[in-house]
Amino acid sequence: MLLLAAVGSAIVLLPSIAVARQPFISQFTHVSTLASTVPASGPALGDQNPDGAAVVPQTTGKLLRADVLVSNFNNAQNQQGTGSSIVEVLPSHGSSSAFAVVPQPTPTPAADLTTALTALPDG
């Protein structure tokens, strides 16, 4: 491929130079576990498959700015769409706890938490 470059009043044909770039992700070589999103106790014990995540934009009530809310899509038996918990991850402490648990009807769990989790800008 050739590029046109205007130099003064002349037009010069220049070969294009392909710049070899490394993928952005390749600079990350170390993975650290900050906290688990699987509730360790309570009615949502074992919920898994974190699909929705939202960063808290400003401190509101018990939620602190930069905390991360994560919805678990599956229950402890890994049944799709039956997770019932939203977990609060505190990056500043490296810990997590259940933020909200959807009450489960009996005998069939059907919480249907979504992956579309967000925090409103005004808290």
PDB file of N, CA and C in Angstrom:
ATOM      1  N   MET A   1       0.843  -1.167   0.000  1.00  0.00           N
ATOM      2  CA  MET A   1       0.000   0.000   0.000  1.00  0.00           C
ATOM      3  C   MET A   1       0.889   1.231   0.000  1.00  0.00           C
ATOM      4  N   LEU A   2       0.485   2.241  -0.698  1.00  0.00           N
ATOM      5  CA  LEU A   2       1.251   3.482  -0.773  1.00  0.00           C
ATOM      6  C   LEU A   2       0.452   4.606  -0.162  1.00  0.00           C
ATOM      7  N   LEU A   3       1.140   5.517   0.501  1.00  0.00           N
ATOM      8  CA  LEU A   3       0.510   6.699   1.067  1.00  0.00           C
ATOM      9  C   LEU A   3       0.940   7.915   0.288  1.00  0.00           C
ATOM     10  N   LEU A   4       0.039   8.875   0.148  1.00  0.00           N
ATOM     11  CA  LEU A   4       0.375  10.136  -0.488  1.00  0.00           C
ATOM     12  C   LEU A   4       0.741  11.145   0.589  1.00  0.00           C
ATOM     13  N   ALA A   5       1.842  11.838   0.413  1.00  0.00           N
ATOM     14  CA  ALA A   5       2.240  12.864   1.363  1.00  0.00           C
ATOM     15  C   ALA A   5       2.536  14.134   0.599  1.00  0.00           C
ATOM     16  N   ALA A   6       1.987  15.238   1.056  1.00  0.00           N
ATOM     17  CA  ALA A   6       2.244  16.535   0.415  1.00  0.00           C
ATOM     18  C   ALA A   6       3.431  17.188   1.109  1.00  0.00           C
ATOM     19  N   VAL A   7       4.461  17.457   0.348  1.00  0.00           N
ATOM     20  CA  VAL A   7       5.649  18.126   0.879  1.00  0.00           C
ATOM     21  C   VAL A   7       5.841  19.389   0.057  1.00  0.00           C
ATOM     22  N   GLY A   8       5.616  20.536   0.680  1.00  0.00           N
ATOM     23  CA  GLY A   8       5.688  21.789  -0.077  1.00  0.00           C
ATOM     24  C   GLY A   8       4.622  21.763  -1.141  1.00  0.00           C
ATOM     25  N   SER A   9       5.053  21.887  -2.412  1.00  0.00           N
ATOM     26  CA  SER A   9       4.107  21.856  -3.517  1.00  0.00           C
ATOM     27  C   SER A   9       4.196  20.550  -4.283  1.00  0.00           C
ATOM     28  N   ALA A  10       4.994  19.600  -3.779  1.00  0.00           N
ATOM     29  CA  ALA A  10       5.148  18.321  -4.469  1.00  0.00           C
ATOM     30  C   ALA A  10       4.381  17.230  -3.729  1.00  0.00           C
ATOM     31  N   ILE A  11       3.969  16.235  -4.459  1.00  0.00           N
ATOM     32  CA  ILE A  11       3.319  15.064  -3.876  1.00  0.00           C
ATOM     33  C   ILE A  11       4.315  13.921  -3.964  1.00  0.00           C
ATOM     34  N   VAL A  12       4.543  13.284  -2.836  1.00  0.00           N
ATOM     35  CA  VAL A  12       5.523  12.198  -2.756  1.00  0.00           C
ATOM     36  C   VAL A  12       4.796  10.911  -2.404  1.00  0.00           C
ATOM     37  N   LEU A  13       5.143   9.830  -3.076  1.00  0.00           N
ATOM     38  CA  LEU A  13       4.571   8.526  -2.766  1.00  0.00           C
ATOM     39  C   LEU A  13       5.478   7.850  -1.731  1.00  0.00           C
ATOM     40  N   LEU A  14       4.895   7.436  -0.612  1.00  0.00           N
ATOM     41  CA  LEU A  14       5.649   6.780   0.445  1.00  0.00           C
ATOM     42  C   LEU A  14       5.055   5.399   0.694  1.00  0.00           C
ATOM     43  N   PRO A  15       5.909   4.401   0.892  1.00  0.00           N
ATOM     44  CA  PRO A  15       5.358   3.088   1.257  1.00  0.00           C
ATOM     45  C   PRO A  15       4.812   3.153   2.680  1.00  0.00           C
ATOM     46  N   SER A  16       3.686   2.521   2.927  1.00  0.00           N
ATOM     47  CA  SER A  16       3.153   2.501   4.294  1.00  0.00           C
ATOM     48  C   SER A  16       3.983   1.527   5.119  1.00  0.00           C
ATOM     49  N   ILE A  17       4.136   1.845   6.371  1.00  0.00           N
ATOM     50  CA  ILE A  17       4.935   1.018   7.264  1.00  0.00           C
ATOM     51  C   ILE A  17       3.974   0.350   8.247  1.00  0.00           C
ATOM     52  N   ALA A  18       3.962  -0.961   8.213  1.00  0.00           N
ATOM     53  CA  ALA A  18       3.111  -1.702   9.136  1.00  0.00           C
ATOM     54  C   ALA A  18       3.829  -1.766  10.485  1.00  0.00           C
ATOM     55  N   VAL A  19       3.174  -1.300  11.496  1.00  0.00           N
ATOM     56  CA  VAL A  19       3.758  -1.311  12.830  1.00  0.00           C
ATOM     57  C   VAL A  19       3.286  -2.572  13.540  1.00  0.00           C
ATOM     58  N   ALA A  20       4.249  -3.397  13.941  1.00  0.00           N
ATOM     59  CA  ALA A  20       3.920  -4.618  14.662  1.00  0.00           C
ATOM     60  C   ALA A  20       3.667  -4.255  16.121  1.00  0.00           C
ATOM     61  N   ARG A  21       2.466  -4.513  16.581  1.00  0.00           N
ATOM     62  CA  ARG A  21       2.105  -4.216  17.959  1.00  0.00           C
ATOM     63  C   ARG A  21       1.736  -5.503  18.673  1.00  0.00           C
ATOM     64  N   GLN A  22       2.130  -5.582  19.918  1.00  0.00           N
ATOM     65  CA  GLN A  22       1.747  -6.718  20.746  1.00  0.00           C
ATOM     66  C   GLN A  22       0.326  -6.496  21.237  1.00  0.00           C
ATOM     67  N   PRO A  23      -0.437  -7.547  21.394  1.00  0.00           N
ATOM     68  CA  PRO A  23      -1.780  -7.383  21.957  1.00  0.00           C
ATOM     69  C   PRO A  23      -1.690  -6.749  23.344  1.00  0.00           C
ATOM     70  N   PHE A  24      -2.617  -5.854  23.646  1.00  0.00           N
ATOM     71  CA  PHE A  24      -2.635  -5.141  24.924  1.00  0.00           C
ATOM     72  C   PHE A  24      -2.611  -6.110  26.103  1.00  0.00           C
ATOM     73  N   ILE A  25      -3.352  -7.199  26.004  1.00  0.00           N
ATOM     74  CA  ILE A  25      -3.485  -8.142  27.109  1.00  0.00           C
ATOM     75  C   ILE A  25      -2.172  -8.866  27.413  1.00  0.00           C
ATOM     76  N   SER A  26      -1.255  -8.923  26.454  1.00  0.00           N
ATOM     77  CA  SER A  26      -0.012  -9.676  26.664  1.00  0.00           C
ATOM     78  C   SER A  26       0.883  -9.057  27.724  1.00  0.00           C
ATOM     79  N   GLN A  27       0.646  -7.807  28.108  1.00  0.00           N
ATOM     80  CA  GLN A  27       1.466  -7.202  29.147  1.00  0.00           C
ATOM     81  C   GLN A  27       1.095  -7.685  30.546  1.00  0.00           C
ATOM     82  N   PHE A  28      -0.061  -8.332  30.668  1.00  0.00           N
ATOM     83  CA  PHE A  28      -0.491  -8.840  31.962  1.00  0.00           C
ATOM     84  C   PHE A  28      -0.054 -10.295  32.095  1.00  0.00           C
ATOM     85  N   THR A  29       0.901 -10.527  32.961  1.00  0.00           N
ATOM     86  CA  THR A  29       1.452 -11.874  33.080  1.00  0.00           C
ATOM     87  C   THR A  29       1.168 -12.516  34.426  1.00  0.00           C
ATOM     88  N   HIS A  30       0.618 -11.771  35.373  1.00  0.00           N
ATOM     89  CA  HIS A  30       0.381 -12.305  36.704  1.00  0.00           C
ATOM     90  C   HIS A  30      -1.098 -12.142  37.062  1.00  0.00           C
ATOM     91  N   VAL A  31      -1.707 -13.218  37.492  1.00  0.00           N
ATOM     92  CA  VAL A  31      -3.102 -13.188  37.899  1.00  0.00           C
ATOM     93  C   VAL A  31      -3.159 -13.416  39.409  1.00  0.00           C
ATOM     94  N   SER A  32      -3.867 -12.540  40.116  1.00  0.00           N
ATOM     95  CA  SER A  32      -4.037 -12.687  41.557  1.00  0.00           C
ATOM     96  C   SER A  32      -5.521 -12.784  41.880  1.00  0.00           C
ATOM     97  N   THR A  33      -5.879 -13.699  42.756  1.00  0.00           N
ATOM     98  CA  THR A  33      -7.259 -13.803  43.206  1.00  0.00           C
ATOM     99  C   THR A  33      -7.459 -12.795  44.319  1.00  0.00           C
ATOM    100  N   LEU A  34      -8.426 -11.921  44.131  1.00  0.00           N
ATOM    101  CA  LEU A  34      -8.712 -10.899  45.127  1.00  0.00           C
ATOM    102  C   LEU A  34      -9.709 -11.423  46.157  1.00  0.00           C
ATOM    103  N   ALA A  35     -10.790 -11.985  45.693  1.00  0.00           N
ATOM    104  CA  ALA A  35     -11.827 -12.511  46.576  1.00  0.00           C
ATOM    105  C   ALA A  35     -12.726 -13.443  45.776  1.00  0.00           C
ATOM    106  N   SER A  36     -13.389 -14.328  46.464  1.00  0.00           N
ATOM    107  CA  SER A  36     -14.312 -15.247  45.813  1.00  0.00           C
ATOM    108  C   SER A  36     -15.685 -14.589  45.683  1.00  0.00           C
ATOM    109  N   THR A  37     -16.369 -14.893  44.602  1.00  0.00           N
ATOM    110  CA  THR A  37     -17.734 -14.407  44.429  1.00  0.00           C
ATOM    111  C   THR A  37     -18.749 -15.491  44.788  1.00  0.00           C
ATOM    112  N   VAL A  38     -18.276 -16.629  45.283  1.00  0.00           N
ATOM    113  CA  VAL A  38     -19.148 -17.723  45.699  1.00  0.00           C
ATOM    114  C   VAL A  38     -19.484 -17.543  47.176  1.00  0.00           C
ATOM    115  N   PRO A  39     -20.756 -17.313  47.517  1.00  0.00           N
ATOM    116  CA  PRO A  39     -21.110 -17.159  48.929  1.00  0.00           C
ATOM    117  C   PRO A  39     -20.735 -18.401  49.741  1.00  0.00           C
ATOM    118  N   ALA A  40     -20.063 -18.178  50.867  1.00  0.00           N
ATOM    119  CA  ALA A  40     -19.584 -19.283  51.703  1.00  0.00           C
ATOM    120  C   ALA A  40     -20.629 -19.737  52.723  1.00  0.00           C
ATOM    121  N   SER A  41     -21.686 -18.944  52.904  1.00  0.00           N
ATOM    122  CA  SER A  41     -22.722 -19.314  53.863  1.00  0.00           C
ATOM    123  C   SER A  41     -24.028 -18.634  53.481  1.00  0.00           C
ATOM    124  N   GLY A  42     -25.070 -18.967  54.228  1.00  0.00           N
ATOM    125  CA  GLY A  42     -26.364 -18.337  54.010  1.00  0.00           C
ATOM    126  C   GLY A  42     -27.206 -19.055  52.977  1.00  0.00           C
ATOM    127  N   PRO A  43     -28.356 -18.467  52.634  1.00  0.00           N
ATOM    128  CA  PRO A  43     -29.299 -19.131  51.725  1.00  0.00           C
ATOM    129  C   PRO A  43     -28.775 -19.278  50.300  1.00  0.00           C
ATOM    130  N   ALA A  44     -27.784 -18.512  49.910  1.00  0.00           N
ATOM    131  CA  ALA A  44     -27.249 -18.610  48.544  1.00  0.00           C
ATOM    132  C   ALA A  44     -25.915 -19.364  48.524  1.00  0.00           C
ATOM    133  N   LEU A  45     -25.667 -20.170  49.550  1.00  0.00           N
ATOM    134  CA  LEU A  45     -24.428 -20.935  49.662  1.00  0.00           C
ATOM    135  C   LEU A  45     -24.090 -21.632  48.358  1.00  0.00           C
ATOM    136  N   GLY A  46     -22.913 -21.354  47.820  1.00  0.00           N
ATOM    137  CA  GLY A  46     -22.439 -22.044  46.629  1.00  0.00           C
ATOM    138  C   GLY A  46     -22.864 -21.463  45.298  1.00  0.00           C
ATOM    139  N   ASP A  47     -23.656 -20.382  45.268  1.00  0.00           N
ATOM    140  CA  ASP A  47     -23.992 -19.761  43.984  1.00  0.00           C
ATOM    141  C   ASP A  47     -22.701 -19.522  43.202  1.00  0.00           C
ATOM    142  N   GLN A  48     -22.775 -19.646  41.895  1.00  0.00           N
ATOM    143  CA  GLN A  48     -21.569 -19.536  41.082  1.00  0.00           C
ATOM    144  C   GLN A  48     -21.853 -18.915  39.728  1.00  0.00           C
ATOM    145  N   ASN A  49     -20.844 -18.882  38.890  1.00  0.00           N
ATOM    146  CA  ASN A  49     -20.899 -18.327  37.547  1.00  0.00           C
ATOM    147  C   ASN A  49     -21.220 -16.838  37.580  1.00  0.00           C
ATOM    148  N   PRO A  50     -20.281 -16.028  38.096  1.00  0.00           N
ATOM    149  CA  PRO A  50     -20.521 -14.578  38.148  1.00  0.00           C
ATOM    150  C   PRO A  50     -20.584 -14.006  36.743  1.00  0.00           C
ATOM    151  N   ASP A  51     -21.725 -13.431  36.385  1.00  0.00           N
ATOM    152  CA  ASP A  51     -21.906 -12.915  35.033  1.00  0.00           C
ATOM    153  C   ASP A  51     -22.068 -11.408  34.974  1.00  0.00           C
ATOM    154  N   GLY A  52     -22.751 -10.823  35.927  1.00  0.00           N
ATOM    155  CA  GLY A  52     -22.953  -9.377  35.917  1.00  0.00           C
ATOM    156  C   GLY A  52     -22.055  -8.723  36.945  1.00  0.00           C
ATOM    157  N   ALA A  53     -21.450  -7.603  36.597  1.00  0.00           N
ATOM    158  CA  ALA A  53     -20.597  -6.883  37.543  1.00  0.00           C
ATOM    159  C   ALA A  53     -20.787  -5.387  37.348  1.00  0.00           C
ATOM    160  N   ALA A  54     -20.760  -4.664  38.455  1.00  0.00           N
ATOM    161  CA  ALA A  54     -20.880  -3.208  38.400  1.00  0.00           C
ATOM    162  C   ALA A  54     -19.999  -2.614  39.489  1.00  0.00           C
ATOM    163  N   VAL A  55     -19.271  -1.557  39.137  1.00  0.00           N
ATOM    164  CA  VAL A  55     -18.437  -0.850  40.098  1.00  0.00           C
ATOM    165  C   VAL A  55     -19.267   0.271  40.707  1.00  0.00           C
ATOM    166  N   VAL A  56     -19.245   0.382  42.032  1.00  0.00           N
ATOM    167  CA  VAL A  56     -20.017   1.408  42.733  1.00  0.00           C
ATOM    168  C   VAL A  56     -19.346   2.762  42.479  1.00  0.00           C
ATOM    169  N   PRO A  57     -20.069   3.727  41.861  1.00  0.00           N
ATOM    170  CA  PRO A  57     -19.448   4.990  41.474  1.00  0.00           C
ATOM    171  C   PRO A  57     -19.206   5.953  42.633  1.00  0.00           C
ATOM    172  N   GLN A  58     -20.014   5.858  43.682  1.00  0.00           N
ATOM    173  CA  GLN A  58     -19.811   6.741  44.836  1.00  0.00           C
ATOM    174  C   GLN A  58     -20.360   6.053  46.078  1.00  0.00           C
ATOM    175  N   THR A  59     -19.815   6.397  47.235  1.00  0.00           N
ATOM    176  CA  THR A  59     -20.266   5.798  48.483  1.00  0.00           C
ATOM    177  C   THR A  59     -21.744   6.098  48.696  1.00  0.00           C
ATOM    178  N   THR A  60     -22.503   5.033  48.954  1.00  0.00           N
ATOM    179  CA  THR A  60     -23.940   5.136  49.174  1.00  0.00           C
ATOM    180  C   THR A  60     -24.316   4.129  50.248  1.00  0.00           C
ATOM    181  N   GLY A  61     -24.747   4.598  51.411  1.00  0.00           N
ATOM    182  CA  GLY A  61     -25.099   3.676  52.487  1.00  0.00           C
ATOM    183  C   GLY A  61     -23.908   2.824  52.873  1.00  0.00           C
ATOM    184  N   LYS A  62     -24.093   1.490  52.862  1.00  0.00           N
ATOM    185  CA  LYS A  62     -23.004   0.578  53.215  1.00  0.00           C
ATOM    186  C   LYS A  62     -22.047   0.318  52.048  1.00  0.00           C
ATOM    187  N   LEU A  63     -22.437   0.713  50.841  1.00  0.00           N
ATOM    188  CA  LEU A  63     -21.580   0.506  49.679  1.00  0.00           C
ATOM    189  C   LEU A  63     -20.537   1.615  49.603  1.00  0.00           C
ATOM    190  N   LEU A  64     -19.297   1.221  49.405  1.00  0.00           N
ATOM    191  CA  LEU A  64     -18.213   2.187  49.286  1.00  0.00           C
ATOM    192  C   LEU A  64     -17.827   2.369  47.833  1.00  0.00           C
ATOM    193  N   ARG A  65     -17.388   3.572  47.502  1.00  0.00           N
ATOM    194  CA  ARG A  65     -16.917   3.861  46.145  1.00  0.00           C
ATOM    195  C   ARG A  65     -15.846   2.832  45.773  1.00  0.00           C
ATOM    196  N   ALA A  66     -15.913   2.286  44.583  1.00  0.00           N
ATOM    197  CA  ALA A  66     -14.983   1.300  44.009  1.00  0.00           C
ATOM    198  C   ALA A  66     -15.269  -0.129  44.453  1.00  0.00           C
ATOM    199  N   ASP A  67     -16.258  -0.364  45.338  1.00  0.00           N
ATOM    200  CA  ASP A  67     -16.669  -1.740  45.598  1.00  0.00           C
ATOM    201  C   ASP A  67     -17.247  -2.296  44.300  1.00  0.00           C
ATOM    202  N   VAL A  68     -17.257  -3.603  44.172  1.00  0.00           N
ATOM    203  CA  VAL A  68     -17.774  -4.240  42.960  1.00  0.00           C
ATOM    204  C   VAL A  68     -18.929  -5.159  43.350  1.00  0.00           C
ATOM    205  N   LEU A  69     -20.065  -4.981  42.696  1.00  0.00           N
ATOM    206  CA  LEU A  69     -21.214  -5.865  42.900  1.00  0.00           C
ATOM    207  C   LEU A  69     -21.237  -6.889  41.775  1.00  0.00           C
ATOM    208  N   VAL A  70     -21.399  -8.158  42.144  1.00  0.00           N
ATOM    209  CA  VAL A  70     -21.357  -9.246  41.167  1.00  0.00           C
ATOM    210  C   VAL A  70     -22.581 -10.123  41.348  1.00  0.00           C
ATOM    211  N   SER A  71     -23.323 -10.360  40.274  1.00  0.00           N
ATOM    212  CA  SER A  71     -24.476 -11.269  40.362  1.00  0.00           C
ATOM    213  C   SER A  71     -24.048 -12.658  39.916  1.00  0.00           C
ATOM    214  N   ASN A  72     -24.429 -13.647  40.696  1.00  0.00           N
ATOM    215  CA  ASN A  72     -24.143 -15.045  40.366  1.00  0.00           C
ATOM    216  C   ASN A  72     -25.318 -15.609  39.594  1.00  0.00           C
ATOM    217  N   PHE A  73     -25.051 -16.099  38.398  1.00  0.00           N
ATOM    218  CA  PHE A  73     -26.105 -16.534  37.480  1.00  0.00           C
ATOM    219  C   PHE A  73     -26.592 -17.951  37.772  1.00  0.00           C
ATOM    220  N   ASN A  74     -25.728 -18.799  38.339  1.00  0.00           N
ATOM    221  CA  ASN A  74     -26.087 -20.198  38.589  1.00  0.00           C
ATOM    222  C   ASN A  74     -26.139 -20.488  40.085  1.00  0.00           C
ATOM    223  N   ASN A  75     -26.902 -21.504  40.464  1.00  0.00           N
ATOM    224  CA  ASN A  75     -26.951 -21.917  41.866  1.00  0.00           C
ATOM    225  C   ASN A  75     -25.794 -22.876  42.164  1.00  0.00           C
ATOM    226  N   ALA A  76     -25.779 -23.434  43.366  1.00  0.00           N
ATOM    227  CA  ALA A  76     -24.689 -24.324  43.787  1.00  0.00           C
ATOM    228  C   ALA A  76     -24.621 -25.602  42.946  1.00  0.00           C
ATOM    229  N   GLN A  77     -25.737 -26.004  42.340  1.00  0.00           N
ATOM    230  CA  GLN A  77     -25.745 -27.191  41.462  1.00  0.00           C
ATOM    231  C   GLN A  77     -25.406 -26.815  40.022  1.00  0.00           C
ATOM    232  N   ASN A  78     -25.029 -25.548  39.800  1.00  0.00           N
ATOM    233  CA  ASN A  78     -24.638 -25.020  38.491  1.00  0.00           C
ATOM    234  C   ASN A  78     -25.783 -25.022  37.487  1.00  0.00           C
ATOM    235  N   GLN A  79     -27.028 -24.888  37.976  1.00  0.00           N
ATOM    236  CA  GLN A  79     -28.183 -24.810  37.084  1.00  0.00           C
ATOM    237  C   GLN A  79     -28.279 -23.390  36.542  1.00  0.00           C
ATOM    238  N   GLN A  80     -28.281 -23.278  35.217  1.00  0.00           N
ATOM    239  CA  GLN A  80     -28.300 -21.983  34.530  1.00  0.00           C
ATOM    240  C   GLN A  80     -29.445 -21.091  34.996  1.00  0.00           C
ATOM    241  N   GLY A  81     -29.132 -19.840  35.298  1.00  0.00           N
ATOM    242  CA  GLY A  81     -30.140 -18.838  35.584  1.00  0.00           C
ATOM    243  C   GLY A  81     -30.846 -18.972  36.913  1.00  0.00           C
ATOM    244  N   THR A  82     -30.339 -19.814  37.811  1.00  0.00           N
ATOM    245  CA  THR A  82     -31.020 -20.021  39.087  1.00  0.00           C
ATOM    246  C   THR A  82     -30.227 -19.449  40.265  1.00  0.00           C
ATOM    247  N   GLY A  83     -29.192 -18.686  39.991  1.00  0.00           N
ATOM    248  CA  GLY A  83     -28.435 -18.041  41.068  1.00  0.00           C
ATOM    249  C   GLY A  83     -29.321 -17.037  41.780  1.00  0.00           C
ATOM    250  N   SER A  84     -29.054 -16.841  43.061  1.00  0.00           N
ATOM    251  CA  SER A  84     -29.930 -15.959  43.830  1.00  0.00           C
ATOM    252  C   SER A  84     -29.163 -14.895  44.611  1.00  0.00           C
ATOM    253  N   SER A  85     -27.865 -14.726  44.300  1.00  0.00           N
ATOM    254  CA  SER A  85     -27.076 -13.804  45.121  1.00  0.00           C
ATOM    255  C   SER A  85     -26.381 -12.719  44.314  1.00  0.00           C
ATOM    256  N   ILE A  86     -26.250 -11.580  44.969  1.00  0.00           N
ATOM    257  CA  ILE A  86     -25.392 -10.508  44.490  1.00  0.00           C
ATOM    258  C   ILE A  86     -24.338 -10.334  45.572  1.00  0.00           C
ATOM    259  N   VAL A  87     -23.090 -10.463  45.195  1.00  0.00           N
ATOM    260  CA  VAL A  87     -21.979 -10.421  46.142  1.00  0.00           C
ATOM    261  C   VAL A  87     -21.279  -9.075  46.035  1.00  0.00           C
ATOM    262  N   GLU A  88     -20.905  -8.525  47.185  1.00  0.00           N
ATOM    263  CA  GLU A  88     -20.139  -7.281  47.227  1.00  0.00           C
ATOM    264  C   GLU A  88     -18.675  -7.637  47.432  1.00  0.00           C
ATOM    265  N   VAL A  89     -17.834  -7.237  46.487  1.00  0.00           N
ATOM    266  CA  VAL A  89     -16.393  -7.461  46.598  1.00  0.00           C
ATOM    267  C   VAL A  89     -15.756  -6.133  47.000  1.00  0.00           C
ATOM    268  N   LEU A  90     -14.971  -6.171  48.067  1.00  0.00           N
ATOM    269  CA  LEU A  90     -14.287  -4.976  48.557  1.00  0.00           C
ATOM    270  C   LEU A  90     -12.817  -5.053  48.155  1.00  0.00           C
ATOM    271  N   PRO A  91     -12.439  -4.451  47.017  1.00  0.00           N
ATOM    272  CA  PRO A  91     -11.051  -4.544  46.551  1.00  0.00           C
ATOM    273  C   PRO A  91     -10.054  -3.999  47.572  1.00  0.00           C
ATOM    274  N   SER A  92     -10.454  -2.981  48.322  1.00  0.00           N
ATOM    275  CA  SER A  92      -9.539  -2.383  49.293  1.00  0.00           C
ATOM    276  C   SER A  92      -9.213  -3.338  50.441  1.00  0.00           C
ATOM    277  N   HIS A  93     -10.101  -4.316  50.704  1.00  0.00           N
ATOM    278  CA  HIS A  93      -9.874  -5.270  51.790  1.00  0.00           C
ATOM    279  C   HIS A  93      -9.558  -6.673  51.288  1.00  0.00           C
ATOM    280  N   GLY A  94      -9.771  -6.914  49.997  1.00  0.00           N
ATOM    281  CA  GLY A  94      -9.556  -8.256  49.454  1.00  0.00           C
ATOM    282  C   GLY A  94     -10.551  -9.256  50.015  1.00  0.00           C
ATOM    283  N   SER A  95     -11.780  -8.810  50.227  1.00  0.00           N
ATOM    284  CA  SER A  95     -12.789  -9.701  50.785  1.00  0.00           C
ATOM    285  C   SER A  95     -14.107  -9.543  50.039  1.00  0.00           C
ATOM    286  N   SER A  96     -15.050 -10.427  50.351  1.00  0.00           N
ATOM    287  CA  SER A  96     -16.373 -10.346  49.747  1.00  0.00           C
ATOM    288  C   SER A  96     -17.413 -10.825  50.742  1.00  0.00           C
ATOM    289  N   SER A  97     -18.654 -10.412  50.513  1.00  0.00           N
ATOM    290  CA  SER A  97     -19.769 -10.873  51.345  1.00  0.00           C
ATOM    291  C   SER A  97     -21.045 -10.750  50.523  1.00  0.00           C
ATOM    292  N   ALA A  98     -22.068 -11.488  50.940  1.00  0.00           N
ATOM    293  CA  ALA A  98     -23.350 -11.418  50.247  1.00  0.00           C
ATOM    294  C   ALA A  98     -23.942 -10.034  50.449  1.00  0.00           C
ATOM    295  N   PHE A  99     -24.291  -9.369  49.363  1.00  0.00           N
ATOM    296  CA  PHE A  99     -24.914  -8.048  49.433  1.00  0.00           C
ATOM    297  C   PHE A  99     -26.434  -8.194  49.432  1.00  0.00           C
ATOM    298  N   ALA A 100     -26.935  -9.060  48.576  1.00  0.00           N
ATOM    299  CA  ALA A 100     -28.380  -9.287  48.485  1.00  0.00           C
ATOM    300  C   ALA A 100     -28.627 -10.723  48.054  1.00  0.00           C
ATOM    301  N   VAL A 101     -29.687 -11.294  48.575  1.00  0.00           N
ATOM    302  CA  VAL A 101     -30.092 -12.645  48.194  1.00  0.00           C
ATOM    303  C   VAL A 101     -31.576 -12.605  47.869  1.00  0.00           C
ATOM    304  N   VAL A 102     -31.916 -13.107  46.699  1.00  0.00           N
ATOM    305  CA  VAL A 102     -33.310 -13.163  46.274  1.00  0.00           C
ATOM    306  C   VAL A 102     -33.956 -14.360  46.968  1.00  0.00           C
ATOM    307  N   PRO A 103     -35.060 -14.162  47.696  1.00  0.00           N
ATOM    308  CA  PRO A 103     -35.731 -15.297  48.346  1.00  0.00           C
ATOM    309  C   PRO A 103     -36.148 -16.324  47.304  1.00  0.00           C
ATOM    310  N   GLN A 104     -35.922 -17.578  47.618  1.00  0.00           N
ATOM    311  CA  GLN A 104     -36.251 -18.658  46.684  1.00  0.00           C
ATOM    312  C   GLN A 104     -37.615 -19.246  46.989  1.00  0.00           C
ATOM    313  N   PRO A 105     -38.488 -19.322  45.992  1.00  0.00           N
ATOM    314  CA  PRO A 105     -39.757 -20.019  46.208  1.00  0.00           C
ATOM    315  C   PRO A 105     -39.499 -21.520  46.301  1.00  0.00           C
ATOM    316  N   THR A 106     -40.345 -22.221  46.966  1.00  0.00           N
ATOM    317  CA  THR A 106     -40.184 -23.666  47.026  1.00  0.00           C
ATOM    318  C   THR A 106     -41.299 -24.304  46.212  1.00  0.00           C
ATOM    319  N   PRO A 107     -41.115 -25.434  45.604  1.00  0.00           N
ATOM    320  CA  PRO A 107     -39.909 -26.244  45.621  1.00  0.00           C
ATOM    321  C   PRO A 107     -38.913 -25.907  44.504  1.00  0.00           C
ATOM    322  N   THR A 108     -39.265 -25.046  43.551  1.00  0.00           N
ATOM    323  CA  THR A 108     -38.409 -24.781  42.396  1.00  0.00           C
ATOM    324  C   THR A 108     -37.735 -23.418  42.502  1.00  0.00           C
ATOM    325  N   PRO A 109     -36.391 -23.379  42.554  1.00  0.00           N
ATOM    326  CA  PRO A 109     -35.728 -22.072  42.576  1.00  0.00           C
ATOM    327  C   PRO A 109     -35.844 -21.392  41.212  1.00  0.00           C
ATOM    328  N   ALA A 110     -36.119 -20.100  41.213  1.00  0.00           N
ATOM    329  CA  ALA A 110     -36.261 -19.369  39.955  1.00  0.00           C
ATOM    330  C   ALA A 110     -35.966 -17.891  40.160  1.00  0.00           C
ATOM    331  N   ALA A 111     -34.776 -17.579  40.629  1.00  0.00           N
ATOM    332  CA  ALA A 111     -34.445 -16.182  40.919  1.00  0.00           C
ATOM    333  C   ALA A 111     -34.241 -15.381  39.651  1.00  0.00           C
ATOM    334  N   ASP A 112     -33.657 -16.002  38.632  1.00  0.00           N
ATOM    335  CA  ASP A 112     -33.429 -15.347  37.349  1.00  0.00           C
ATOM    336  C   ASP A 112     -32.681 -14.019  37.457  1.00  0.00           C
ATOM    337  N   LEU A 113     -31.549 -14.011  38.159  1.00  0.00           N
ATOM    338  CA  LEU A 113     -30.721 -12.806  38.170  1.00  0.00           C
ATOM    339  C   LEU A 113     -30.158 -12.598  36.779  1.00  0.00           C
ATOM    340  N   THR A 114     -29.989 -11.371  36.407  1.00  0.00           N
ATOM    341  CA  THR A 114     -29.538 -11.038  35.069  1.00  0.00           C
ATOM    342  C   THR A 114     -28.047 -10.731  35.033  1.00  0.00           C
ATOM    343  N   THR A 115     -27.482 -10.782  33.855  1.00  0.00           N
ATOM    344  CA  THR A 115     -26.083 -10.389  33.684  1.00  0.00           C
ATOM    345  C   THR A 115     -25.978  -8.880  33.488  1.00  0.00           C
ATOM    346  N   ALA A 116     -27.104  -8.202  33.313  1.00  0.00           N
ATOM    347  CA  ALA A 116     -27.112  -6.755  33.065  1.00  0.00           C
ATOM    348  C   ALA A 116     -27.203  -6.012  34.390  1.00  0.00           C
ATOM    349  N   LEU A 117     -26.108  -5.985  35.115  1.00  0.00           N
ATOM    350  CA  LEU A 117     -26.055  -5.331  36.420  1.00  0.00           C
ATOM    351  C   LEU A 117     -25.369  -3.984  36.250  1.00  0.00           C
ATOM    352  N   THR A 118     -25.924  -2.943  36.857  1.00  0.00           N
ATOM    353  CA  THR A 118     -25.318  -1.621  36.742  1.00  0.00           C
ATOM    354  C   THR A 118     -25.535  -0.831  38.015  1.00  0.00           C
ATOM    355  N   ALA A 119     -24.759   0.203  38.197  1.00  0.00           N
ATOM    356  CA  ALA A 119     -24.934   1.139  39.314  1.00  0.00           C
ATOM    357  C   ALA A 119     -25.254   2.502  38.719  1.00  0.00           C
ATOM    358  N   LEU A 120     -26.286   3.140  39.231  1.00  0.00           N
ATOM    359  CA  LEU A 120     -26.658   4.455  38.708  1.00  0.00           C
ATOM    360  C   LEU A 120     -25.626   5.490  39.106  1.00  0.00           C
ATOM    361  N   PRO A 121     -25.329   6.461  38.237  1.00  0.00           N
ATOM    362  CA  PRO A 121     -24.294   7.443  38.501  1.00  0.00           C
ATOM    363  C   PRO A 121     -24.514   8.261  39.780  1.00  0.00           C
ATOM    364  N   ASP A 122     -25.771   8.477  40.144  1.00  0.00           N
ATOM    365  CA  ASP A 122     -26.024   9.293  41.341  1.00  0.00           C
ATOM    366  C   ASP A 122     -26.121   8.453  42.610  1.00  0.00           C
ATOM    367  N   GLY A 123     -25.760   7.181  42.511  1.00  0.00           N
ATOM    368  CA  GLY A 123     -25.744   6.321  43.686  1.00  0.00           C
ATOM    369  C   GLY A 123     -27.071   5.679  43.955  1.00  0.00           C
TER     370      GLY A 123
END
